[in-house]
Amino acid sequence: MANLRQGIQTLSATVKLTSSGEVVAAVSGQYIYITDLIISAGTAGTVKVVSKTGTPTTLVEELNLAANGNLVSNYVTPLKGLKGENIGVVIGTSNPVTVQISYYLAAH
């Protein structure tokens, strides 16, 4: 899904995971800027958001979510992934987890 947000094409990705994994695929030469984040946990546990090609770089520190708990964050200043790297989540004991990320791509 894509829309224009202040002249920038914003994209959206939604995944349901039962273990740590990718939410937004890497794009060569591009940074991924996260504008909105929704995480919903099936059971109590921890989740963190990472820019994860190679050694993961934490973008959102580990969150403790209650069973059927959620997080909704809208960022005035978007979170910036590392250039050419994907965005993923590291799941602790929370299983399953649904993650929705709105984002845009930029070369700088």
Protein backbone atom coordinates (compact mmCIF):
# COMPACT_ATOMS: atom_id res chain seq x y z
CA MET A 1 0.00 0.00 0.00
CA ALA A 2 1.38 3.42 -0.92
CA ASN A 3 0.17 6.97 -0.38
CA LEU A 4 1.63 10.47 -0.51
CA ARG A 5 2.48 12.07 2.80
CA GLN A 6 3.71 15.65 2.45
CA GLY A 7 5.00 14.86 -1.06
CA ILE A 8 6.77 11.63 -0.03
CA GLN A 9 5.55 8.23 -1.14
CA THR A 10 4.84 6.31 2.08
CA LEU A 11 4.78 2.52 1.95
CA SER A 12 3.39 -0.01 4.41
CA ALA A 13 4.36 -3.55 5.40
CA THR A 14 2.47 -5.91 7.68
CA VAL A 15 3.73 -9.32 8.79
CA LYS A 16 2.75 -11.92 11.37
CA LEU A 17 5.79 -13.69 12.82
CA THR A 18 6.27 -16.58 15.22
CA SER A 19 10.03 -15.97 15.49
CA SER A 20 12.44 -13.10 14.80
CA GLY A 21 12.42 -11.97 11.18
CA GLU A 22 12.22 -9.36 8.45
CA VAL A 23 9.40 -6.84 8.17
CA VAL A 24 10.70 -4.54 5.39
CA ALA A 25 13.16 -5.80 2.76
CA ALA A 26 16.44 -3.99 2.19
CA VAL A 27 16.76 -1.73 -0.85
CA SER A 28 20.28 -1.23 -2.20
CA GLY A 29 21.60 2.30 -1.65
CA GLN A 30 18.49 3.42 0.26
CA TYR A 31 17.69 4.21 3.88
CA ILE A 32 14.37 3.06 5.33
CA TYR A 33 12.68 5.78 7.40
CA ILE A 34 9.98 4.45 9.77
CA THR A 35 7.12 6.91 10.25
CA ASP A 36 4.60 4.70 12.08
CA LEU A 37 4.88 1.45 14.01
CA ILE A 38 2.22 -0.93 15.35
CA ILE A 39 3.14 -4.12 17.21
CA SER A 40 0.61 -6.57 18.62
CA ALA A 41 1.67 -9.52 20.79
CA GLY A 42 -0.19 -12.80 21.07
CA THR A 43 1.35 -13.68 24.43
CA ALA A 44 3.33 -11.71 27.00
CA GLY A 45 6.96 -11.18 26.01
CA THR A 46 9.55 -8.89 24.47
CA VAL A 47 10.01 -7.41 21.01
CA LYS A 48 12.57 -4.98 19.60
CA VAL A 49 12.91 -3.36 16.17
CA VAL A 50 16.27 -3.58 14.38
CA SER A 51 18.05 -2.62 11.20
CA LYS A 52 19.42 -6.11 10.82
CA THR A 53 21.66 -6.99 7.88
CA GLY A 54 24.85 -8.34 9.46
CA THR A 55 25.07 -7.36 13.12
CA PRO A 56 21.68 -5.92 14.17
CA THR A 57 21.46 -2.23 15.07
CA THR A 58 18.64 -1.52 17.54
CA LEU A 59 16.14 1.13 16.39
CA VAL A 60 13.54 0.54 19.14
CA GLU A 61 14.79 -0.89 22.42
CA GLU A 62 13.29 -4.08 23.78
CA LEU A 63 9.61 -3.62 24.65
CA ASN A 64 7.75 -5.66 27.24
CA LEU A 65 4.27 -6.39 25.91
CA ALA A 66 1.43 -7.99 27.83
CA ALA A 67 -0.56 -10.89 26.40
CA ASN A 68 -2.74 -9.40 23.64
CA GLY A 69 -0.92 -6.11 24.29
CA ASN A 70 0.17 -3.63 21.68
CA LEU A 71 2.29 -0.61 20.88
CA VAL A 72 1.29 2.21 18.53
CA SER A 73 3.92 4.86 17.74
CA ASN A 74 3.70 7.71 15.24
CA TYR A 75 7.08 9.40 14.81
CA VAL A 76 7.29 13.13 14.11
CA THR A 77 10.98 12.53 13.41
CA PRO A 78 11.14 9.18 11.58
CA LEU A 79 13.41 6.37 12.76
CA LYS A 80 16.25 5.86 10.26
CA GLY A 81 17.53 2.41 9.39
CA LEU A 82 21.04 1.83 8.09
CA LYS A 83 21.74 2.34 4.38
CA GLY A 84 20.94 -0.75 2.34
CA GLU A 85 19.70 -2.73 5.34
CA ASN A 86 16.32 -4.28 6.05
CA ILE A 87 14.06 -3.67 9.04
CA GLY A 88 13.21 -6.59 11.28
CA VAL A 89 12.06 -7.56 14.73
CA VAL A 90 13.73 -9.66 17.39
CA ILE A 91 11.10 -11.57 19.32
CA GLY A 92 11.78 -12.79 22.84
CA THR A 93 9.07 -14.99 24.29
CA SER A 94 6.11 -13.16 22.73
CA ASN A 95 4.55 -15.42 20.14
CA PRO A 96 3.00 -14.71 17.65
CA VAL A 97 3.62 -11.02 16.89
CA THR A 98 1.99 -8.88 14.20
CA VAL A 99 4.00 -5.86 13.05
CA GLN A 100 2.86 -3.05 10.79
CA ILE A 101 5.37 -0.43 9.65
CA SER A 102 4.72 2.66 7.53
CA TYR A 103 7.91 3.93 5.94
CA TYR A 104 9.56 5.72 3.07
CA LEU A 105 12.83 5.25 1.21
CA ALA A 106 15.52 7.88 0.60
CA ALA A 107 19.11 7.90 -0.62
CA HIS A 108 20.25 10.24 2.18
